[in-house]
Amino acid sequence: MPEKYDVIVIGTGPGGEGAAMQAAKSDKRVAIFERYIRIGGGCTHWGTIPSKALRFAIFSTMEAMRNPLLHSAGIHVNPSMAELRASSRSIIARQEDMRQTFYARNNVPVIHGRAKFVNAHIVETPDGTQYEADNFVIATGSRPYRPPNVDFKHPRIFDSDTILDLVDRPQSITIYGAGVIGCEYASMLRNLSIKVNLINTRNKLLEFLDDEIIDALSYHLRDQGVLIRHGETIRHVEGVEDGVVSHLESGKQIKTDIFLWANGRMGNVEDLGLENIGVTPNERGLINVNESFQTSVPNVYAVGDVIGYPSLASAAYMQGRAAAIHLTGHQENCMTLTDIPAGIYTSPEISCVGKTERELTEAKIPYEVGHSQFKSLARAQITGRTVGILKLLFHRETREILGVHCFGENAAEIIHIGQAIYKQPPPNNTLDYFINTTFNYPTMAEAYRVAALNGANRLF
């Protein structure tokens, strides 16, 4: 007889963790499957944690390189890529150990091995062991899309997972794909004085952002020395002994030391046995779900990157929680996951929540804008982080906050102040909160008061 659980979660990334913890807190008997030896999913081992740790290491190196005291002492900092990545190993280990304690403390066994559906209530591992559950949550994540005409076995051709294994620092790189991952790596590697060609298949960077933020990012990347090529597509990628030649449909040829493919991702659905339960993913391996994260089979849920947009670790965790709340029968407490903040770890960072000017204009909503330039803030002047802007969009008549957009140092942290007010019910979600609240001085949070006063001055 198969071992019986109330809920089985497949995948230990943020989505799986959120689902498992929420279901366990609801007194359900839960088990979680992980096909790899280590828990935490791509977020912990190949994506968010190692890439952000590398970003911080690069940032720290930049600070040291610019420090006149070190120069005067004859100290020069020039670490290898391996040395820059070294700090991420201890961080990953701590993250993994912490998550292991979560499962142990909540009596959730971690079953290592691939889980494959036999039917809508039973999965089995490769050795034939079967497990039964009333409900399942698929949280298997995603991986970089690899087109068949690109030779990823070539030692100079990488995707966003394998680039983290880079040993030697190249002199130049071509990044194909100017989405979030492409822009983050372009910014990160350029900070190491690597020549960067960023090839964008679209006509703008990160088109989901507010136009003013897009312009600021484009200007800053170019000011750093990144060469951005818009509206270009790859015809052929040729790996040679001393580099990689990118052949573009426009006829251009670009040769750099290495090449990074950062154009799209695939859902991890192979060998799940979805065909045995009647769930059909799309051509990119993404699973369609309803607003409660149910697949076409009501007792089988899917969350995180395997369902596509917004493909954020933060969103995946909350989606997992929402799915668990729904499957445990607490529909009255179900979360409606809207207005998820975006955090983009370029240098400087970008973060936003709510509507853009473009969306408000198209919807014919009368709005006004409040700006705060970081260069005018005392805290930014003290720290030398003067590049940036905070932008508040608000309704001209009700003064309700409609969108918050930030470009600059610690933007991903700063955004949450605006998010907290934006998500309040009327009349607590207006510009007046920022005008009438005392902010510590000097802080970056003071940008909200400055932006709010700037916006209020535009009203008549």
Protein backbone atom coordinates (compact mmCIF):
# COMPACT_ATOMS: atom_id res chain seq x y z
CA MET A 1 0.00 0.00 0.00
CA PRO A 2 1.31 3.50 -0.81
CA GLU A 3 2.20 5.73 2.13
CA LYS A 4 -0.65 8.23 2.53
CA TYR A 5 -0.39 12.00 3.03
CA ASP A 6 -2.89 14.84 2.94
CA VAL A 7 -0.63 16.95 0.72
CA ILE A 8 2.41 16.12 -1.38
CA VAL A 9 4.53 18.99 -2.68
CA ILE A 10 6.94 18.43 -5.57
CA GLY A 11 9.94 20.77 -5.42
CA THR A 12 11.68 22.52 -2.51
CA GLY A 13 12.16 25.96 -4.04
CA PRO A 14 10.27 29.01 -2.69
CA GLY A 15 6.91 27.88 -4.11
CA GLY A 16 7.19 24.39 -2.68
CA GLU A 17 8.41 25.67 0.67
CA GLY A 18 5.53 28.14 0.94
CA ALA A 19 2.97 25.43 0.13
CA ALA A 20 4.48 22.84 2.47
CA MET A 21 4.81 25.21 5.44
CA GLN A 22 1.30 26.60 5.04
CA ALA A 23 -0.28 23.15 4.73
CA ALA A 24 1.69 21.87 7.74
CA LYS A 25 0.56 24.86 9.80
CA SER A 26 -3.01 23.85 8.90
CA ASP A 27 -2.42 20.45 10.57
CA LYS A 28 -2.15 18.55 7.31
CA ARG A 29 0.17 15.58 6.91
CA VAL A 30 2.66 16.85 4.33
CA ALA A 31 5.60 15.40 2.42
CA ILE A 32 7.84 17.22 -0.03
CA PHE A 33 9.84 15.73 -2.92
CA GLU A 34 13.19 16.97 -4.17
CA ARG A 35 14.85 15.31 -7.15
CA TYR A 36 18.29 16.74 -6.33
CA ILE A 37 20.50 15.89 -3.38
CA ARG A 38 20.24 19.40 -1.94
CA ILE A 39 17.07 21.31 -1.09
CA GLY A 40 16.20 24.90 -1.98
CA GLY A 41 15.65 24.65 -5.71
CA GLY A 42 17.12 26.83 -8.42
CA CYS A 43 16.57 29.97 -6.35
CA THR A 44 19.08 28.79 -3.75
CA HIS A 45 21.61 26.96 -5.91
CA TRP A 46 21.60 28.41 -9.46
CA GLY A 47 19.64 31.65 -9.46
CA THR A 48 18.71 34.30 -6.94
CA ILE A 49 21.06 33.55 -4.03
CA PRO A 50 24.34 32.86 -5.91
CA SER A 51 23.80 35.64 -8.46
CA LYS A 52 22.96 38.23 -5.79
CA ALA A 53 25.91 37.07 -3.69
CA LEU A 54 28.14 37.52 -6.74
CA ARG A 55 26.64 40.96 -7.32
CA PHE A 56 27.46 41.98 -3.76
CA ALA A 57 31.00 40.63 -4.07
CA ILE A 58 31.48 42.68 -7.25
CA PHE A 59 30.04 45.75 -5.56
CA SER A 60 32.42 45.32 -2.61
CA THR A 61 35.33 44.94 -5.02
CA MET A 62 34.35 48.14 -6.79
CA GLU A 63 34.29 49.95 -3.46
CA ALA A 64 37.76 48.68 -2.61
CA MET A 65 39.12 49.58 -6.06
CA ARG A 66 37.88 53.14 -5.63
CA ASN A 67 39.12 53.56 -2.06
CA PRO A 68 42.00 56.09 -2.12
CA LEU A 69 43.28 54.83 1.25
CA LEU A 70 43.93 51.37 -0.20
CA HIS A 71 45.59 52.86 -3.27
CA SER A 72 47.86 55.06 -1.18
CA ALA A 73 48.85 51.98 0.84
CA GLY A 74 49.77 50.17 -2.36
CA ILE A 75 46.93 47.66 -2.03
CA HIS A 76 45.30 46.65 -5.30
CA VAL A 77 42.21 44.46 -5.49
CA ASN A 78 41.75 42.26 -8.55
CA PRO A 79 39.98 39.01 -7.61
CA SER A 80 39.22 36.20 -10.03
CA MET A 81 35.68 35.08 -10.80
CA ALA A 82 36.21 32.05 -8.57
CA GLU A 83 37.26 34.29 -5.68
CA LEU A 84 34.25 36.55 -6.23
CA ARG A 85 31.95 33.54 -6.07
CA ALA A 86 33.53 32.08 -2.94
CA SER A 87 31.25 33.90 -0.49
CA SER A 88 28.13 32.46 -2.12
CA ARG A 89 29.04 28.91 -1.07
CA SER A 90 28.71 29.64 2.65
CA ILE A 91 25.51 31.62 2.07
CA ILE A 92 23.97 28.75 0.10
CA ALA A 93 24.95 26.29 2.84
CA ARG A 94 23.35 28.47 5.53
CA GLN A 95 20.19 28.87 3.46
CA GLU A 96 20.00 25.12 2.90
CA ASP A 97 20.53 24.30 6.59
CA MET A 98 17.90 26.83 7.62
CA ARG A 99 15.33 25.33 5.25
CA GLN A 100 16.12 21.83 6.43
CA THR A 101 15.20 22.91 9.97
CA PHE A 102 11.88 24.33 8.70
CA TYR A 103 10.85 20.92 7.38
CA ALA A 104 12.11 19.06 10.44
CA ARG A 105 10.39 21.42 12.86
CA ASN A 106 7.08 21.07 11.02
CA ASN A 107 7.32 17.28 10.63
CA VAL A 108 7.52 17.45 6.83
CA PRO A 109 9.70 14.62 5.48
CA VAL A 110 11.90 15.51 2.51
CA ILE A 111 11.83 12.61 0.05
CA HIS A 112 14.77 12.72 -2.33
CA GLY A 113 14.03 11.43 -5.81
CA ARG A 114 11.92 12.22 -8.84
CA ALA A 115 8.15 12.10 -8.26
CA LYS A 116 6.08 10.91 -11.22
CA PHE A 117 2.29 10.87 -11.35
CA VAL A 118 0.72 7.44 -11.73
CA ASN A 119 -2.75 8.98 -11.46
CA ALA A 120 -4.28 12.07 -9.84
CA HIS A 121 -3.75 10.64 -6.34
CA ILE A 122 -0.53 8.63 -6.56
CA VAL A 123 3.08 9.44 -7.43
CA GLU A 124 6.00 7.06 -7.53
CA THR A 125 9.78 7.32 -7.39
CA PRO A 126 12.11 5.64 -9.93
CA ASP A 127 12.49 2.60 -7.65
CA GLY A 128 8.73 2.00 -7.82
CA THR A 129 7.86 3.24 -4.32
CA GLN A 130 4.42 4.86 -4.37
CA TYR A 131 2.96 7.70 -2.30
CA GLU A 132 -0.67 8.73 -2.12
CA ALA A 133 -2.20 12.13 -1.33
CA ASP A 134 -5.50 13.96 -1.51
CA ASN A 135 -3.83 17.03 -3.03
CA PHE A 136 -0.59 17.82 -4.84
CA VAL A 137 1.33 21.03 -5.42
CA ILE A 138 3.74 21.11 -8.36
CA ALA A 139 6.58 23.56 -7.68
CA THR A 140 9.33 22.23 -9.92
CA GLY A 141 10.55 25.63 -11.13
CA SER A 142 12.19 26.43 -14.44
CA ARG A 143 15.54 26.41 -16.21
CA PRO A 144 17.13 28.48 -18.99
CA TYR A 145 15.68 27.82 -22.44
CA ARG A 146 18.29 26.22 -24.68
CA PRO A 147 17.57 26.43 -28.40
CA PRO A 148 18.83 23.41 -30.35
CA ASN A 149 20.99 25.50 -32.69
CA VAL A 150 23.25 26.84 -29.91
CA ASP A 151 26.12 24.61 -28.77
CA PHE A 152 26.02 24.94 -24.98
CA LYS A 153 28.78 22.34 -24.70
CA HIS A 154 31.23 24.88 -26.08
CA PRO A 155 33.41 26.16 -23.19
CA ARG A 156 32.75 29.81 -24.09
CA ILE A 157 28.94 29.59 -24.42
CA PHE A 158 26.86 29.90 -21.25
CA ASP A 159 23.31 30.20 -19.99
CA SER A 160 22.20 31.94 -16.79
CA ASP A 161 22.89 28.79 -14.72
CA THR A 162 26.30 27.88 -16.11
CA ILE A 163 27.62 31.47 -16.15
CA LEU A 164 27.98 31.12 -12.38
CA ASP A 165 30.69 28.51 -13.01
CA LEU A 166 32.84 30.96 -14.96
CA VAL A 167 36.46 30.57 -13.80
CA ASP A 168 38.44 33.27 -15.62
CA ARG A 169 37.38 36.86 -16.02
CA PRO A 170 36.80 37.57 -19.73
CA GLN A 171 37.63 40.81 -21.47
CA SER A 172 34.30 40.91 -23.34
CA ILE A 173 30.88 39.26 -23.41
CA THR A 174 27.80 39.22 -25.62
CA ILE A 175 24.54 38.84 -23.71
CA TYR A 176 21.59 37.76 -25.85
CA GLY A 177 18.32 38.75 -24.22
CA ALA A 178 17.72 42.02 -22.38
CA GLY A 179 15.13 40.83 -19.90
CA VAL A 180 15.67 40.98 -16.15
CA ILE A 181 18.46 38.38 -16.15
CA GLY A 182 20.23 39.91 -19.15
CA CYS A 183 20.14 43.43 -17.72
CA GLU A 184 21.30 42.26 -14.30
CA TYR A 185 24.30 40.43 -15.72
CA ALA A 186 25.12 43.28 -18.12
CA SER A 187 25.26 45.69 -15.20
CA MET A 188 27.13 43.27 -12.94
CA LEU A 189 29.82 42.31 -15.44
CA ARG A 190 30.33 45.84 -16.69
CA ASN A 191 31.16 46.80 -13.11
CA LEU A 192 34.15 44.47 -13.49
CA SER A 193 35.27 46.52 -16.53
CA ILE A 194 34.23 43.72 -18.90
CA LYS A 195 33.13 44.99 -22.32
CA VAL A 196 29.43 44.14 -22.66
CA ASN A 197 27.29 43.84 -25.79
CA LEU A 198 23.63 43.59 -24.74
CA ILE A 199 21.41 42.36 -27.58
CA ASN A 200 17.73 43.16 -27.12
CA THR A 201 15.14 41.49 -29.33
CA ARG A 202 12.69 44.29 -28.49
CA ASN A 203 12.84 48.04 -29.02
CA LYS A 204 13.12 48.96 -25.33
CA LEU A 205 14.63 47.48 -22.22
CA LEU A 206 12.19 45.88 -19.77
CA GLU A 207 9.03 47.22 -21.38
CA PHE A 208 6.87 46.39 -18.34
CA LEU A 209 8.57 49.19 -16.41
CA ASP A 210 7.57 52.84 -16.36
CA ASP A 211 9.06 54.66 -19.35
CA GLU A 212 11.01 57.11 -17.20
CA ILE A 213 12.65 54.22 -15.32
CA ILE A 214 13.44 52.48 -18.63
CA ASP A 215 15.11 55.65 -19.86
CA ALA A 216 17.09 55.98 -16.62
CA LEU A 217 18.29 52.37 -16.85
CA SER A 218 19.22 52.70 -20.52
CA TYR A 219 21.13 55.93 -19.88
CA HIS A 220 22.95 54.49 -16.89
CA LEU A 221 23.97 51.27 -18.65
CA ARG A 222 25.26 53.24 -21.62
CA ASP A 223 26.99 55.70 -19.31
CA GLN A 224 28.78 52.73 -17.73
CA GLY A 225 29.87 51.60 -21.18
CA VAL A 226 27.36 48.86 -22.06
CA LEU A 227 26.65 48.70 -25.80
CA ILE A 228 22.91 48.07 -26.22
CA ARG A 229 21.62 46.82 -29.57
CA HIS A 230 17.82 47.01 -29.83
CA GLY A 231 15.59 45.11 -32.28
CA GLU A 232 18.19 42.46 -33.10
CA THR A 233 17.83 38.68 -33.30
CA ILE A 234 20.42 35.93 -33.47
CA ARG A 235 20.74 33.93 -36.68
CA HIS A 236 23.64 31.76 -35.59
CA VAL A 237 26.07 31.47 -32.68
CA GLU A 238 29.54 30.29 -33.69
CA GLY A 239 31.88 29.10 -30.98
CA VAL A 240 35.54 29.34 -32.00
CA GLU A 241 38.77 28.63 -30.16
CA ASP A 242 39.39 32.17 -28.96
CA GLY A 243 35.82 33.44 -28.60
CA VAL A 244 32.24 33.37 -29.83
CA VAL A 245 30.90 35.06 -32.97
CA SER A 246 27.26 36.14 -32.86
CA HIS A 247 25.73 36.32 -36.33
CA LEU A 248 22.68 38.61 -36.29
CA GLU A 249 19.77 38.59 -38.71
CA SER A 250 20.65 42.18 -39.57
CA GLY A 251 23.96 40.95 -40.99
CA LYS A 252 26.08 42.17 -38.08
CA GLN A 253 28.76 39.94 -36.60
CA ILE A 254 29.94 40.42 -33.02
CA LYS A 255 32.93 38.59 -31.61
CA THR A 256 33.54 38.47 -27.86
CA ASP A 257 35.43 36.24 -25.46
CA ILE A 258 32.27 34.58 -24.16
CA PHE A 259 28.55 34.45 -24.91
CA LEU A 260 25.60 34.36 -22.50
CA TRP A 261 22.18 33.16 -23.70
CA ALA A 262 19.57 34.89 -21.50
CA ASN A 263 16.50 34.67 -23.69
CA GLY A 264 13.66 32.78 -22.02
CA ARG A 265 13.10 29.89 -19.64
CA MET A 266 11.49 26.45 -19.69
CA GLY A 267 9.26 24.87 -17.05
CA ASN A 268 10.68 21.74 -15.41
CA VAL A 269 7.92 19.28 -16.30
CA GLU A 270 9.83 16.40 -17.89
CA ASP A 271 9.24 12.98 -16.30
CA LEU A 272 6.48 14.30 -14.05
CA GLY A 273 3.94 12.02 -15.70
CA LEU A 274 1.55 14.89 -16.39
CA GLU A 275 0.19 12.95 -19.36
CA ASN A 276 -1.09 10.36 -16.86
CA ILE A 277 -3.38 12.90 -15.21
CA GLY A 278 -4.44 14.91 -18.27
CA VAL A 279 -2.41 18.07 -17.59
CA THR A 280 -0.81 19.47 -20.75
CA PRO A 281 1.93 22.13 -20.43
CA ASN A 282 2.55 24.60 -23.26
CA GLU A 283 5.51 24.52 -25.66
CA ARG A 284 7.75 26.18 -23.02
CA GLY A 285 6.76 23.62 -20.37
CA LEU A 286 4.55 26.05 -18.44
CA ILE A 287 1.41 24.78 -16.69
CA ASN A 288 -1.85 26.70 -16.94
CA VAL A 289 -3.66 27.35 -13.63
CA ASN A 290 -6.74 29.24 -12.46
CA GLU A 291 -6.85 32.07 -9.91
CA SER A 292 -6.55 29.51 -7.09
CA PHE A 293 -3.51 27.87 -8.74
CA GLN A 294 -5.43 24.73 -9.65
CA THR A 295 -4.51 22.92 -12.86
CA SER A 296 -7.14 21.29 -15.07
CA VAL A 297 -7.16 18.54 -12.42
CA PRO A 298 -8.73 20.23 -9.34
CA ASN A 299 -6.68 18.43 -6.68
CA VAL A 300 -3.39 19.17 -8.47
CA TYR A 301 -2.03 22.70 -8.02
CA ALA A 302 0.99 24.39 -9.60
CA VAL A 303 2.93 27.43 -8.37
CA GLY A 304 6.13 29.36 -9.03
CA ASP A 305 8.21 29.53 -12.18
CA VAL A 306 6.57 26.41 -13.64
CA ILE A 307 3.42 28.51 -14.24
CA GLY A 308 5.32 31.45 -15.77
CA TYR A 309 4.78 35.14 -14.99
CA PRO A 310 5.90 36.82 -12.80
CA SER A 311 8.68 34.23 -12.18
CA LEU A 312 9.84 35.82 -8.93
CA ALA A 313 10.99 33.94 -5.84
CA SER A 314 8.90 36.25 -3.66
CA ALA A 315 5.78 35.62 -5.73
CA ALA A 316 6.41 31.85 -5.83
CA TYR A 317 6.45 31.63 -2.04
CA MET A 318 3.17 33.50 -1.74
CA GLN A 319 1.61 31.45 -4.55
CA GLY A 320 2.55 28.31 -2.65
CA ARG A 321 0.89 29.65 0.48
CA ALA A 322 -2.20 30.67 -1.47
CA ALA A 323 -2.51 27.21 -3.04
CA ALA A 324 -2.19 25.54 0.37
CA ILE A 325 -4.81 27.83 1.90
CA HIS A 326 -7.21 26.93 -0.92
CA LEU A 327 -6.63 23.17 -0.84
CA THR A 328 -7.10 23.06 2.93
CA GLY A 329 -10.58 24.45 2.46
CA HIS A 330 -10.02 27.93 3.87
CA GLN A 331 -11.33 29.74 0.80
CA GLU A 332 -12.50 32.67 2.92
CA ASN A 333 -8.86 33.41 3.76
CA CYS A 334 -7.50 32.93 0.24
CA MET A 335 -5.02 35.54 -0.88
CA THR A 336 -5.52 37.52 -4.07
CA LEU A 337 -2.01 37.98 -5.36
CA THR A 338 -2.09 41.27 -7.21
CA ASP A 339 0.30 44.20 -7.38
CA ILE A 340 3.38 42.11 -6.71
CA PRO A 341 6.44 44.36 -6.44
CA ALA A 342 9.22 43.82 -8.94
CA GLY A 343 12.83 43.90 -7.80
CA ILE A 344 15.55 44.09 -10.45
CA TYR A 345 19.13 43.90 -9.23
CA THR A 346 20.93 46.01 -11.76
CA SER A 347 23.38 48.62 -10.47
CA PRO A 348 21.61 50.65 -9.22
CA GLU A 349 18.52 48.58 -8.40
CA ILE A 350 15.03 49.02 -9.80
CA SER A 351 11.79 48.28 -8.00
CA CYS A 352 8.18 49.15 -8.64
CA VAL A 353 4.60 48.39 -7.66
CA GLY A 354 1.31 49.49 -9.19
CA LYS A 355 0.57 51.24 -12.46
CA THR A 356 2.94 52.95 -14.88
CA GLU A 357 2.32 56.33 -16.50
CA ARG A 358 1.70 54.52 -19.79
CA GLU A 359 -1.02 52.34 -18.27
CA LEU A 360 -2.71 55.25 -16.51
CA THR A 361 -2.70 57.35 -19.69
CA GLU A 362 -4.21 54.51 -21.73
CA ALA A 363 -6.89 54.02 -19.07
CA LYS A 364 -7.61 57.79 -19.09
CA ILE A 365 -7.08 58.08 -15.34
CA PRO A 366 -6.25 61.66 -14.27
CA TYR A 367 -2.96 61.31 -12.42
CA GLU A 368 -0.10 63.48 -11.31
CA VAL A 369 3.56 62.78 -10.61
CA GLY A 370 5.80 63.44 -7.63
CA HIS A 371 9.59 63.10 -7.96
CA SER A 372 12.47 62.89 -5.55
CA GLN A 373 15.97 62.95 -6.98
CA PHE A 374 18.40 61.00 -4.81
CA LYS A 375 21.11 63.59 -5.47
CA SER A 376 19.08 66.03 -3.34
CA LEU A 377 18.85 63.73 -0.30
CA ALA A 378 21.32 64.22 2.53
CA ARG A 379 21.70 60.46 3.12
CA ALA A 380 22.54 59.86 -0.54
CA GLN A 381 25.08 62.68 -0.45
CA ILE A 382 26.69 61.21 2.68
CA THR A 383 26.98 57.72 1.22
CA GLY A 384 27.84 58.89 -2.29
CA ARG A 385 24.86 56.98 -3.75
CA THR A 386 23.36 59.94 -5.55
CA VAL A 387 22.20 58.21 -8.74
CA GLY A 388 18.48 57.52 -8.53
CA ILE A 389 14.92 58.68 -8.37
CA LEU A 390 11.73 57.89 -6.47
CA LYS A 391 8.52 58.50 -8.40
CA LEU A 392 4.98 58.57 -7.00
CA LEU A 393 1.94 58.42 -9.28
CA PHE A 394 -1.30 59.53 -7.66
CA HIS A 395 -4.87 60.43 -8.61
CA ARG A 396 -5.32 64.17 -9.09
CA GLU A 397 -8.70 64.26 -7.36
CA THR A 398 -8.61 61.58 -4.66
CA ARG A 399 -4.82 61.77 -4.15
CA GLU A 400 -4.74 57.94 -3.96
CA ILE A 401 -1.35 56.36 -4.69
CA LEU A 402 -1.56 54.59 -8.07
CA GLY A 403 2.03 53.51 -8.57
CA VAL A 404 5.47 53.71 -6.98
CA HIS A 405 8.66 53.46 -9.03
CA CYS A 406 12.22 53.59 -7.77
CA PHE A 407 15.62 53.53 -9.47
CA GLY A 408 18.66 53.75 -7.26
CA GLU A 409 20.61 52.22 -4.39
CA ASN A 410 18.44 49.93 -2.23
CA ALA A 411 15.39 50.46 -4.43
CA ALA A 412 14.17 46.92 -3.69
CA GLU A 413 14.06 47.82 0.02
CA ILE A 414 12.72 51.36 -0.35
CA ILE A 415 9.75 50.22 -2.45
CA HIS A 416 8.08 48.45 0.46
CA ILE A 417 7.26 51.72 2.22
CA GLY A 418 5.27 52.82 -0.80
CA GLN A 419 3.78 49.36 -1.24
CA ALA A 420 2.41 49.39 2.32
CA ILE A 421 0.48 52.63 1.70
CA TYR A 422 -0.53 51.73 -1.87
CA LYS A 423 -2.18 48.54 -0.59
CA GLN A 424 -4.17 50.29 2.16
CA PRO A 425 -7.93 50.76 1.63
CA PRO A 426 -9.17 54.33 1.02
CA PRO A 427 -8.77 56.86 2.56
CA ASN A 428 -5.49 55.58 4.02
CA ASN A 429 -3.72 55.18 0.68
CA THR A 430 -3.18 58.80 -0.30
CA LEU A 431 -0.30 61.16 -0.87
CA ASP A 432 -1.07 62.82 2.45
CA TYR A 433 0.41 59.94 4.46
CA PHE A 434 3.86 60.78 3.14
CA ILE A 435 3.38 64.52 3.58
CA ASN A 436 2.19 64.24 7.19
CA THR A 437 4.54 61.49 8.41
CA THR A 438 7.85 62.24 10.13
CA PHE A 439 10.74 60.34 8.55
CA ASN A 440 14.09 59.79 10.21
CA TYR A 441 16.73 62.22 8.96
CA PRO A 442 18.94 61.64 7.13
CA THR A 443 17.49 58.51 5.46
CA MET A 444 16.65 57.33 1.97
CA ALA A 445 13.04 56.91 3.16
CA GLU A 446 12.82 60.69 3.28
CA ALA A 447 12.51 60.48 -0.51
CA TYR A 448 8.82 59.73 -0.01
CA ARG A 449 8.17 63.02 1.75
CA VAL A 450 10.13 64.94 -0.88
CA ALA A 451 8.31 63.20 -3.75
CA ALA A 452 4.91 63.70 -2.12
CA LEU A 453 5.49 67.42 -1.60
CA ASN A 454 6.77 67.71 -5.17
CA GLY A 455 3.60 66.07 -6.46
CA ALA A 456 1.29 68.14 -4.27
CA ASN A 457 2.86 71.29 -5.63
CA ARG A 458 1.71 70.27 -9.12
CA LEU A 459 -1.96 70.39 -8.12
CA PHE A 460 -4.04 73.49 -8.60
